[in-house]
PDB file of N, CA and C in Angstrom:
ATOM      1  N   UNK A   1     -23.817  13.384  13.494  1.00  0.00           N
ATOM      2  CA  UNK A   1     -23.024  13.155  12.314  1.00  0.00           C
ATOM      3  C   UNK A   1     -22.731  11.675  12.231  1.00  0.00           C
ATOM      4  N   UNK A   2     -22.911  11.120  11.053  1.00  0.00           N
ATOM      5  CA  UNK A   2     -22.569   9.732  10.796  1.00  0.00           C
ATOM      6  C   UNK A   2     -21.204   9.697  10.132  1.00  0.00           C
ATOM      7  N   UNK A   3     -20.358   8.776  10.523  1.00  0.00           N
ATOM      8  CA  UNK A   3     -19.024   8.700   9.936  1.00  0.00           C
ATOM      9  C   UNK A   3     -18.774   7.315   9.390  1.00  0.00           C
ATOM     10  N   UNK A   4     -17.829   7.234   8.452  1.00  0.00           N
ATOM     11  CA  UNK A   4     -17.496   5.952   7.844  1.00  0.00           C
ATOM     12  C   UNK A   4     -16.526   5.142   8.690  1.00  0.00           C
ATOM     13  N   UNK A   5     -15.770   5.791   9.543  1.00  0.00           N
ATOM     14  CA  UNK A   5     -14.809   5.107  10.403  1.00  0.00           C
ATOM     15  C   UNK A   5     -14.941   5.672  11.802  1.00  0.00           C
ATOM     16  N   UNK A   6     -14.288   5.042  12.744  1.00  0.00           N
ATOM     17  CA  UNK A   6     -14.399   5.475  14.132  1.00  0.00           C
ATOM     18  C   UNK A   6     -13.924   6.903  14.343  1.00  0.00           C
ATOM     19  N   UNK A   7     -12.921   7.337  13.579  1.00  0.00           N
ATOM     20  CA  UNK A   7     -12.405   8.691  13.772  1.00  0.00           C
ATOM     21  C   UNK A   7     -13.103   9.715  12.872  1.00  0.00           C
ATOM     22  N   UNK A   8     -14.123   9.293  12.118  1.00  0.00           N
ATOM     23  CA  UNK A   8     -14.859  10.219  11.281  1.00  0.00           C
ATOM     24  C   UNK A   8     -14.228  10.476   9.935  1.00  0.00           C
ATOM     25  N   UNK A   9     -13.200   9.727   9.599  1.00  0.00           N
ATOM     26  CA  UNK A   9     -12.501   9.941   8.329  1.00  0.00           C
ATOM     27  C   UNK A   9     -12.531   8.688   7.479  1.00  0.00           C
ATOM     28  N   UNK A  10     -12.644   8.878   6.158  1.00  0.00           N
ATOM     29  CA  UNK A  10     -12.549   7.780   5.202  1.00  0.00           C
ATOM     30  C   UNK A  10     -11.102   7.582   4.817  1.00  0.00           C
ATOM     31  N   UNK A  11     -10.894   6.577   3.980  1.00  0.00           N
ATOM     32  CA  UNK A  11      -9.573   6.374   3.395  1.00  0.00           C
ATOM     33  C   UNK A  11      -9.492   7.031   2.021  1.00  0.00           C
ATOM     34  N   UNK A  12     -10.463   7.847   1.662  1.00  0.00           N
ATOM     35  CA  UNK A  12     -10.480   8.430   0.319  1.00  0.00           C
ATOM     36  C   UNK A  12     -10.056   9.904   0.312  1.00  0.00           C
ATOM     37  N   UNK A  13      -9.053  10.247   1.046  1.00  0.00           N
ATOM     38  CA  UNK A  13      -8.511  11.601   0.990  1.00  0.00           C
ATOM     39  C   UNK A  13      -9.006  12.522   2.076  1.00  0.00           C
ATOM     40  N   UNK A  14      -9.463  11.985   3.172  1.00  0.00           N
ATOM     41  CA  UNK A  14      -9.811  12.836   4.292  1.00  0.00           C
ATOM     42  C   UNK A  14     -11.198  13.425   4.238  1.00  0.00           C
ATOM     43  N   UNK A  15     -12.161  12.726   3.691  1.00  0.00           N
ATOM     44  CA  UNK A  15     -13.526  13.233   3.711  1.00  0.00           C
ATOM     45  C   UNK A  15     -14.277  12.686   4.917  1.00  0.00           C
ATOM     46  N   UNK A  16     -15.288  13.402   5.320  1.00  0.00           N
ATOM     47  CA  UNK A  16     -16.141  12.986   6.426  1.00  0.00           C
ATOM     48  C   UNK A  16     -17.568  12.902   5.922  1.00  0.00           C
ATOM     49  N   UNK A  17     -18.223  11.822   6.228  1.00  0.00           N
ATOM     50  CA  UNK A  17     -19.625  11.657   5.846  1.00  0.00           C
ATOM     51  C   UNK A  17     -20.491  12.300   6.916  1.00  0.00           C
ATOM     52  N   UNK A  18     -21.452  13.117   6.480  1.00  0.00           N
ATOM     53  CA  UNK A  18     -22.393  13.738   7.409  1.00  0.00           C
ATOM     54  C   UNK A  18     -23.815  13.437   6.926  1.00  0.00           C
ATOM     55  N   UNK A  19     -24.730  13.395   7.862  1.00  0.00           N
ATOM     56  CA  UNK A  19     -26.138  13.251   7.525  1.00  0.00           C
ATOM     57  C   UNK A  19     -26.790  14.616   7.676  1.00  0.00           C
ATOM     58  N   UNK A  20     -27.529  15.014   6.656  1.00  0.00           N
ATOM     59  CA  UNK A  20     -28.195  16.310   6.672  1.00  0.00           C
ATOM     60  C   UNK A  20     -29.641  16.089   6.263  1.00  0.00           C
ATOM     61  N   UNK A  21     -30.557  16.671   6.993  1.00  0.00           N
ATOM     62  CA  UNK A  21     -31.972  16.577   6.647  1.00  0.00           C
ATOM     63  C   UNK A  21     -32.364  17.797   5.815  1.00  0.00           C
ATOM     64  N   UNK A  22     -32.944  17.515   4.649  1.00  0.00           N
ATOM     65  CA  UNK A  22     -33.437  18.579   3.776  1.00  0.00           C
ATOM     66  C   UNK A  22     -34.826  18.185   3.296  1.00  0.00           C
ATOM     67  N   UNK A  23     -35.628  19.142   2.902  1.00  0.00           N
ATOM     68  CA  UNK A  23     -36.959  18.825   2.399  1.00  0.00           C
ATOM     69  C   UNK A  23     -36.885  17.908   1.170  1.00  0.00           C
ATOM     70  N   UNK A  24     -37.827  16.995   1.085  1.00  0.00           N
ATOM     71  CA  UNK A  24     -37.857  16.047  -0.027  1.00  0.00           C
ATOM     72  C   UNK A  24     -37.881  16.762  -1.369  1.00  0.00           C
ATOM     73  N   UNK A  25     -38.617  17.857  -1.460  1.00  0.00           N
ATOM     74  CA  UNK A  25     -38.686  18.605  -2.718  1.00  0.00           C
ATOM     75  C   UNK A  25     -37.308  19.121  -3.136  1.00  0.00           C
ATOM     76  N   UNK A  26     -36.489  19.493  -2.148  1.00  0.00           N
ATOM     77  CA  UNK A  26     -35.146  19.972  -2.464  1.00  0.00           C
ATOM     78  C   UNK A  26     -34.281  18.829  -2.999  1.00  0.00           C
ATOM     79  N   UNK A  27     -34.369  17.665  -2.393  1.00  0.00           N
ATOM     80  CA  UNK A  27     -33.612  16.506  -2.871  1.00  0.00           C
ATOM     81  C   UNK A  27     -34.060  16.147  -4.286  1.00  0.00           C
ATOM     82  N   UNK A  28     -35.366  16.181  -4.527  1.00  0.00           N
ATOM     83  CA  UNK A  28     -35.880  15.898  -5.869  1.00  0.00           C
ATOM     84  C   UNK A  28     -35.316  16.881  -6.886  1.00  0.00           C
ATOM     85  N   UNK A  29     -35.258  18.149  -6.531  1.00  0.00           N
ATOM     86  CA  UNK A  29     -34.722  19.172  -7.434  1.00  0.00           C
ATOM     87  C   UNK A  29     -33.237  18.944  -7.691  1.00  0.00           C
ATOM     88  N   UNK A  30     -32.496  18.586  -6.654  1.00  0.00           N
ATOM     89  CA  UNK A  30     -31.064  18.291  -6.815  1.00  0.00           C
ATOM     90  C   UNK A  30     -30.884  17.105  -7.753  1.00  0.00           C
ATOM     91  N   UNK A  31     -31.690  16.051  -7.533  1.00  0.00           N
ATOM     92  CA  UNK A  31     -31.583  14.852  -8.364  1.00  0.00           C
ATOM     93  C   UNK A  31     -31.919  15.138  -9.826  1.00  0.00           C
ATOM     94  N   UNK A  32     -32.840  16.037 -10.074  1.00  0.00           N
ATOM     95  CA  UNK A  32     -33.190  16.400 -11.446  1.00  0.00           C
ATOM     96  C   UNK A  32     -32.112  17.264 -12.099  1.00  0.00           C
ATOM     97  N   UNK A  33     -31.354  17.987 -11.305  1.00  0.00           N
ATOM     98  CA  UNK A  33     -30.467  19.023 -11.822  1.00  0.00           C
ATOM     99  C   UNK A  33     -28.994  18.641 -11.890  1.00  0.00           C
ATOM    100  N   UNK A  34     -28.485  17.793 -11.009  1.00  0.00           N
ATOM    101  CA  UNK A  34     -27.028  17.650 -10.896  1.00  0.00           C
ATOM    102  C   UNK A  34     -26.382  17.142 -12.177  1.00  0.00           C
ATOM    103  N   UNK A  35     -26.976  16.179 -12.849  1.00  0.00           N
ATOM    104  CA  UNK A  35     -26.368  15.655 -14.082  1.00  0.00           C
ATOM    105  C   UNK A  35     -26.406  16.693 -15.200  1.00  0.00           C
ATOM    106  N   UNK A  36     -27.505  17.444 -15.273  1.00  0.00           N
ATOM    107  CA  UNK A  36     -27.626  18.481 -16.304  1.00  0.00           C
ATOM    108  C   UNK A  36     -26.519  19.524 -16.164  1.00  0.00           C
ATOM    109  N   UNK A  37     -26.098  19.768 -14.930  1.00  0.00           N
ATOM    110  CA  UNK A  37     -25.043  20.757 -14.683  1.00  0.00           C
ATOM    111  C   UNK A  37     -23.645  20.155 -14.749  1.00  0.00           C
ATOM    112  N   UNK A  38     -23.550  18.876 -15.082  1.00  0.00           N
ATOM    113  CA  UNK A  38     -22.244  18.261 -15.303  1.00  0.00           C
ATOM    114  C   UNK A  38     -21.657  17.552 -14.107  1.00  0.00           C
ATOM    115  N   UNK A  39     -22.421  17.369 -13.055  1.00  0.00           N
ATOM    116  CA  UNK A  39     -21.928  16.644 -11.886  1.00  0.00           C
ATOM    117  C   UNK A  39     -22.193  15.158 -12.060  1.00  0.00           C
ATOM    118  N   UNK A  40     -21.331  14.331 -11.496  1.00  0.00           N
ATOM    119  CA  UNK A  40     -21.500  12.887 -11.614  1.00  0.00           C
ATOM    120  C   UNK A  40     -22.350  12.308 -10.491  1.00  0.00           C
ATOM    121  N   UNK A  41     -22.577  13.091  -9.446  1.00  0.00           N
ATOM    122  CA  UNK A  41     -23.370  12.586  -8.325  1.00  0.00           C
ATOM    123  C   UNK A  41     -23.995  13.741  -7.559  1.00  0.00           C
ATOM    124  N   UNK A  42     -24.986  13.407  -6.774  1.00  0.00           N
ATOM    125  CA  UNK A  42     -25.617  14.373  -5.876  1.00  0.00           C
ATOM    126  C   UNK A  42     -24.578  14.918  -4.902  1.00  0.00           C
ATOM    127  N   UNK A  43     -23.743  14.035  -4.355  1.00  0.00           N
ATOM    128  CA  UNK A  43     -22.725  14.463  -3.384  1.00  0.00           C
ATOM    129  C   UNK A  43     -21.767  15.481  -3.982  1.00  0.00           C
ATOM    130  N   UNK A  44     -21.346  15.246  -5.231  1.00  0.00           N
ATOM    131  CA  UNK A  44     -20.422  16.181  -5.883  1.00  0.00           C
ATOM    132  C   UNK A  44     -21.067  17.554  -6.016  1.00  0.00           C
ATOM    133  N   UNK A  45     -22.335  17.596  -6.406  1.00  0.00           N
ATOM    134  CA  UNK A  45     -23.040  18.865  -6.559  1.00  0.00           C
ATOM    135  C   UNK A  45     -23.163  19.583  -5.220  1.00  0.00           C
ATOM    136  N   UNK A  46     -23.494  18.854  -4.181  1.00  0.00           N
ATOM    137  CA  UNK A  46     -23.658  19.467  -2.860  1.00  0.00           C
ATOM    138  C   UNK A  46     -22.320  19.958  -2.319  1.00  0.00           C
ATOM    139  N   UNK A  47     -21.235  19.187  -2.528  1.00  0.00           N
ATOM    140  CA  UNK A  47     -19.900  19.652  -2.105  1.00  0.00           C
ATOM    141  C   UNK A  47     -19.545  20.966  -2.793  1.00  0.00           C
ATOM    142  N   UNK A  48     -19.839  21.059  -4.091  1.00  0.00           N
ATOM    143  CA  UNK A  48     -19.544  22.281  -4.832  1.00  0.00           C
ATOM    144  C   UNK A  48     -20.363  23.458  -4.294  1.00  0.00           C
ATOM    145  N   UNK A  49     -21.629  23.208  -3.987  1.00  0.00           N
ATOM    146  CA  UNK A  49     -22.470  24.263  -3.413  1.00  0.00           C
ATOM    147  C   UNK A  49     -21.931  24.716  -2.058  1.00  0.00           C
ATOM    148  N   UNK A  50     -21.456  23.774  -1.254  1.00  0.00           N
ATOM    149  CA  UNK A  50     -20.882  24.124   0.050  1.00  0.00           C
ATOM    150  C   UNK A  50     -19.588  24.923  -0.107  1.00  0.00           C
ATOM    151  N   UNK A  51     -18.770  24.569  -1.106  1.00  0.00           N
ATOM    152  CA  UNK A  51     -17.552  25.357  -1.364  1.00  0.00           C
ATOM    153  C   UNK A  51     -17.920  26.789  -1.721  1.00  0.00           C
ATOM    154  N   UNK A  52     -18.944  26.961  -2.571  1.00  0.00           N
ATOM    155  CA  UNK A  52     -19.388  28.319  -2.929  1.00  0.00           C
ATOM    156  C   UNK A  52     -19.912  29.070  -1.713  1.00  0.00           C
ATOM    157  N   UNK A  53     -20.560  28.371  -0.804  1.00  0.00           N
ATOM    158  CA  UNK A  53     -21.075  29.001   0.404  1.00  0.00           C
ATOM    159  C   UNK A  53     -19.931  29.451   1.305  1.00  0.00           C
ATOM    160  N   UNK A  54     -18.889  28.622   1.407  1.00  0.00           N
ATOM    161  CA  UNK A  54     -17.738  28.965   2.251  1.00  0.00           C
ATOM    162  C   UNK A  54     -16.852  30.025   1.609  1.00  0.00           C
ATOM    163  N   UNK A  55     -16.760  30.020   0.280  1.00  0.00           N
ATOM    164  CA  UNK A  55     -15.925  30.964  -0.459  1.00  0.00           C
ATOM    165  C   UNK A  55     -16.760  31.607  -1.560  1.00  0.00           C
ATOM    166  N   UNK A  56     -17.644  32.533  -1.200  1.00  0.00           N
ATOM    167  CA  UNK A  56     -18.537  33.111  -2.211  1.00  0.00           C
ATOM    168  C   UNK A  56     -17.770  33.880  -3.277  1.00  0.00           C
ATOM    169  N   UNK A  57     -18.304  33.833  -4.493  1.00  0.00           N
ATOM    170  CA  UNK A  57     -17.674  34.576  -5.581  1.00  0.00           C
ATOM    171  C   UNK A  57     -17.865  36.071  -5.340  1.00  0.00           C
ATOM    172  N   UNK A  58     -17.031  36.844  -5.966  1.00  0.00           N
ATOM    173  CA  UNK A  58     -17.064  38.291  -5.810  1.00  0.00           C
ATOM    174  C   UNK A  58     -18.331  38.832  -6.462  1.00  0.00           C
ATOM    175  N   UNK A  59     -19.030  39.698  -5.758  1.00  0.00           N
ATOM    176  CA  UNK A  59     -20.220  40.342  -6.283  1.00  0.00           C
ATOM    177  C   UNK A  59     -19.871  41.777  -6.668  1.00  0.00           C
ATOM    178  N   UNK A  60     -20.242  42.155  -7.881  1.00  0.00           N
ATOM    179  CA  UNK A  60     -19.994  43.522  -8.322  1.00  0.00           C
ATOM    180  C   UNK A  60     -21.061  44.452  -7.749  1.00  0.00           C
ATOM    181  N   UNK A  61     -20.636  45.660  -7.400  1.00  0.00           N
ATOM    182  CA  UNK A  61     -21.584  46.645  -6.860  1.00  0.00           C
ATOM    183  C   UNK A  61     -22.523  47.120  -7.971  1.00  0.00           C
ATOM    184  N   UNK A  62     -23.649  47.683  -7.565  1.00  0.00           N
ATOM    185  CA  UNK A  62     -24.604  48.241  -8.528  1.00  0.00           C
ATOM    186  C   UNK A  62     -23.944  49.337  -9.364  1.00  0.00           C
ATOM    187  N   UNK A  63     -23.070  50.124  -8.729  1.00  0.00           N
ATOM    188  CA  UNK A  63     -22.375  51.196  -9.453  1.00  0.00           C
ATOM    189  C   UNK A  63     -21.464  50.619 -10.532  1.00  0.00           C
ATOM    190  N   UNK A  64     -20.726  49.572 -10.191  1.00  0.00           N
ATOM    191  CA  UNK A  64     -19.830  48.944 -11.168  1.00  0.00           C
ATOM    192  C   UNK A  64     -20.625  48.321 -12.300  1.00  0.00           C
ATOM    193  N   UNK A  65     -21.732  47.648 -11.976  1.00  0.00           N
ATOM    194  CA  UNK A  65     -22.572  47.060 -13.008  1.00  0.00           C
ATOM    195  C   UNK A  65     -23.136  48.129 -13.936  1.00  0.00           C
ATOM    196  N   UNK A  66     -23.523  49.276 -13.379  1.00  0.00           N
ATOM    197  CA  UNK A  66     -24.035  50.385 -14.192  1.00  0.00           C
ATOM    198  C   UNK A  66     -22.938  50.922 -15.102  1.00  0.00           C
ATOM    199  N   UNK A  67     -21.721  51.063 -14.575  1.00  0.00           N
ATOM    200  CA  UNK A  67     -20.594  51.530 -15.386  1.00  0.00           C
ATOM    201  C   UNK A  67     -20.298  50.560 -16.525  1.00  0.00           C
ATOM    202  N   UNK A  68     -20.352  49.262 -16.245  1.00  0.00           N
ATOM    203  CA  UNK A  68     -20.118  48.261 -17.287  1.00  0.00           C
ATOM    204  C   UNK A  68     -21.190  48.332 -18.368  1.00  0.00           C
ATOM    205  N   UNK A  69     -22.428  48.497 -17.942  1.00  0.00           N
ATOM    206  CA  UNK A  69     -23.524  48.603 -18.900  1.00  0.00           C
ATOM    207  C   UNK A  69     -23.342  49.823 -19.803  1.00  0.00           C
ATOM    208  N   UNK A  70     -22.937  50.929 -19.206  1.00  0.00           N
ATOM    209  CA  UNK A  70     -22.683  52.145 -19.995  1.00  0.00           C
ATOM    210  C   UNK A  70     -21.526  51.931 -20.965  1.00  0.00           C
ATOM    211  N   UNK A  71     -20.490  51.268 -20.498  1.00  0.00           N
ATOM    212  CA  UNK A  71     -19.332  50.992 -21.346  1.00  0.00           C
ATOM    213  C   UNK A  71     -19.707  50.097 -22.523  1.00  0.00           C
ATOM    214  N   UNK A  72     -20.513  49.075 -22.256  1.00  0.00           N
ATOM    215  CA  UNK A  72     -20.955  48.182 -23.340  1.00  0.00           C
ATOM    216  C   UNK A  72     -21.799  48.943 -24.357  1.00  0.00           C
ATOM    217  N   UNK A  73     -22.654  49.830 -23.874  1.00  0.00           N
ATOM    218  CA  UNK A  73     -23.483  50.626 -24.767  1.00  0.00           C
ATOM    219  C   UNK A  73     -22.618  51.542 -25.627  1.00  0.00           C
ATOM    220  N   UNK A  74     -21.595  52.143 -25.030  1.00  0.00           N
ATOM    221  CA  UNK A  74     -20.678  53.002 -25.786  1.00  0.00           C
ATOM    222  C   UNK A  74     -19.948  52.194 -26.856  1.00  0.00           C
ATOM    223  N   UNK A  75     -19.555  50.980 -26.504  1.00  0.00           N
ATOM    224  CA  UNK A  75     -18.854  50.135 -27.481  1.00  0.00           C
ATOM    225  C   UNK A  75     -19.783  49.792 -28.640  1.00  0.00           C
ATOM    226  N   UNK A  76     -21.026  49.409 -28.316  1.00  0.00           N
ATOM    227  CA  UNK A  76     -21.997  49.073 -29.359  1.00  0.00           C
ATOM    228  C   UNK A  76     -22.292  50.264 -30.263  1.00  0.00           C
ATOM    229  N   UNK A  77     -22.251  51.463 -29.695  1.00  0.00           N
ATOM    230  CA  UNK A  77     -22.537  52.679 -30.462  1.00  0.00           C
ATOM    231  C   UNK A  77     -21.318  53.170 -31.233  1.00  0.00           C
ATOM    232  N   UNK A  78     -20.192  52.471 -31.106  1.00  0.00           N
ATOM    233  CA  UNK A  78     -18.981  52.866 -31.817  1.00  0.00           C
ATOM    234  C   UNK A  78     -18.281  54.059 -31.206  1.00  0.00           C
ATOM    235  N   UNK A  79     -18.530  54.310 -29.943  1.00  0.00           N
ATOM    236  CA  UNK A  79     -17.950  55.473 -29.268  1.00  0.00           C
ATOM    237  C   UNK A  79     -16.616  55.161 -28.590  1.00  0.00           C
ATOM    238  N   UNK A  80     -16.087  53.981 -28.799  1.00  0.00           N
ATOM    239  CA  UNK A  80     -14.805  53.614 -28.202  1.00  0.00           C
ATOM    240  C   UNK A  80     -13.825  53.251 -29.308  1.00  0.00           C
ATOM    241  N   UNK A  81     -12.557  53.230 -28.943  1.00  0.00           N
ATOM    242  CA  UNK A  81     -11.529  52.812 -29.898  1.00  0.00           C
ATOM    243  C   UNK A  81     -10.651  51.768 -29.231  1.00  0.00           C
ATOM    244  N   UNK A  82      -9.941  51.022 -30.040  1.00  0.00           N
ATOM    245  CA  UNK A  82      -9.065  49.979 -29.507  1.00  0.00           C
ATOM    246  C   UNK A  82      -7.833  50.604 -28.866  1.00  0.00           C
ATOM    247  N   UNK A  83      -7.143  49.819 -28.069  1.00  0.00           N
ATOM    248  CA  UNK A  83      -5.903  50.285 -27.448  1.00  0.00           C
ATOM    249  C   UNK A  83      -4.893  50.671 -28.518  1.00  0.00           C
ATOM    250  N   UNK A  84      -4.766  49.850 -29.541  1.00  0.00           N
ATOM    251  CA  UNK A  84      -3.804  50.154 -30.616  1.00  0.00           C
ATOM    252  C   UNK A  84      -4.136  51.485 -31.290  1.00  0.00           C
ATOM    253  N   UNK A  85      -5.429  51.730 -31.548  1.00  0.00           N
ATOM    254  CA  UNK A  85      -5.826  52.996 -32.157  1.00  0.00           C
ATOM    255  C   UNK A  85      -5.527  54.175 -31.238  1.00  0.00           C
ATOM    256  N   UNK A  86      -5.752  54.015 -29.949  1.00  0.00           N
ATOM    257  CA  UNK A  86      -5.461  55.087 -28.992  1.00  0.00           C
ATOM    258  C   UNK A  86      -3.964  55.359 -28.941  1.00  0.00           C
ATOM    259  N   UNK A  87      -3.160  54.303 -28.946  1.00  0.00           N
ATOM    260  CA  UNK A  87      -1.702  54.492 -28.937  1.00  0.00           C
ATOM    261  C   UNK A  87      -1.254  55.241 -30.178  1.00  0.00           C
ATOM    262  N   UNK A  88      -1.809  54.862 -31.330  1.00  0.00           N
ATOM    263  CA  UNK A  88      -1.456  55.548 -32.581  1.00  0.00           C
ATOM    264  C   UNK A  88      -1.923  56.996 -32.558  1.00  0.00           C
ATOM    265  N   UNK A  89      -3.140  57.237 -32.083  1.00  0.00           N
ATOM    266  CA  UNK A  89      -3.705  58.584 -32.079  1.00  0.00           C
ATOM    267  C   UNK A  89      -2.872  59.526 -31.227  1.00  0.00           C
ATOM    268  N   UNK A  90      -2.367  59.050 -30.104  1.00  0.00           N
ATOM    269  CA  UNK A  90      -1.603  59.893 -29.188  1.00  0.00           C
ATOM    270  C   UNK A  90      -0.109  59.692 -29.317  1.00  0.00           C
ATOM    271  N   UNK A  91       0.291  59.010 -30.397  1.00  0.00           N
ATOM    272  CA  UNK A  91       1.704  58.800 -30.728  1.00  0.00           C
ATOM    273  C   UNK A  91       2.484  58.241 -29.546  1.00  0.00           C
ATOM    274  N   UNK A  92       1.957  57.173 -28.970  1.00  0.00           N
ATOM    275  CA  UNK A  92       2.605  56.520 -27.839  1.00  0.00           C
ATOM    276  C   UNK A  92       3.314  55.276 -28.360  1.00  0.00           C
ATOM    277  N   UNK A  93       4.597  55.170 -28.021  1.00  0.00           N
ATOM    278  CA  UNK A  93       5.393  54.020 -28.441  1.00  0.00           C
ATOM    279  C   UNK A  93       5.544  53.081 -27.252  1.00  0.00           C
ATOM    280  N   UNK A  94       5.024  51.872 -27.378  1.00  0.00           N
ATOM    281  CA  UNK A  94       5.055  50.894 -26.289  1.00  0.00           C
ATOM    282  C   UNK A  94       5.748  49.647 -26.804  1.00  0.00           C
ATOM    283  N   UNK A  95       6.634  49.100 -25.950  1.00  0.00           N
ATOM    284  CA  UNK A  95       7.256  47.826 -26.315  1.00  0.00           C
ATOM    285  C   UNK A  95       6.189  46.770 -26.418  1.00  0.00           C
ATOM    286  N   UNK A  96       6.399  45.755 -27.253  1.00  0.00           N
ATOM    287  CA  UNK A  96       5.421  44.680 -27.406  1.00  0.00           C
ATOM    288  C   UNK A  96       5.138  43.981 -26.085  1.00  0.00           C
ATOM    289  N   UNK A  97       6.125  43.921 -25.196  1.00  0.00           N
ATOM    290  CA  UNK A  97       5.936  43.270 -23.898  1.00  0.00           C
ATOM    291  C   UNK A  97       4.995  44.055 -22.993  1.00  0.00           C
ATOM    292  N   UNK A  98       4.847  45.365 -23.228  1.00  0.00           N
ATOM    293  CA  UNK A  98       4.011  46.206 -22.375  1.00  0.00           C
ATOM    294  C   UNK A  98       2.602  46.370 -22.915  1.00  0.00           C
ATOM    295  N   UNK A  99       2.397  46.152 -24.195  1.00  0.00           N
ATOM    296  CA  UNK A  99       1.067  46.368 -24.809  1.00  0.00           C
ATOM    297  C   UNK A  99       0.183  45.165 -24.648  1.00  0.00           C
TER     298      UNK A  99
END
């Protein structure tokens, strides 16, 4: 690991510089992509990727995805009603704070 100071820390908020070897083709792909995705630098894009690796986003199960697809199809087919319509249909009185 290469560091900017003797203790491995910068003065820019506690970051540590590391050297990582990656295939040249991967670096080329990162360089082509980071600005298009809204990053200001290669380092910013890689830090974000590392954060996602350390804290992966929630993945929905195949069953949940299938249920969502069915629900969307029902909505498109007009087989669903709004919450307000359901409340009216079943004569449910809800305070505005609860609806």
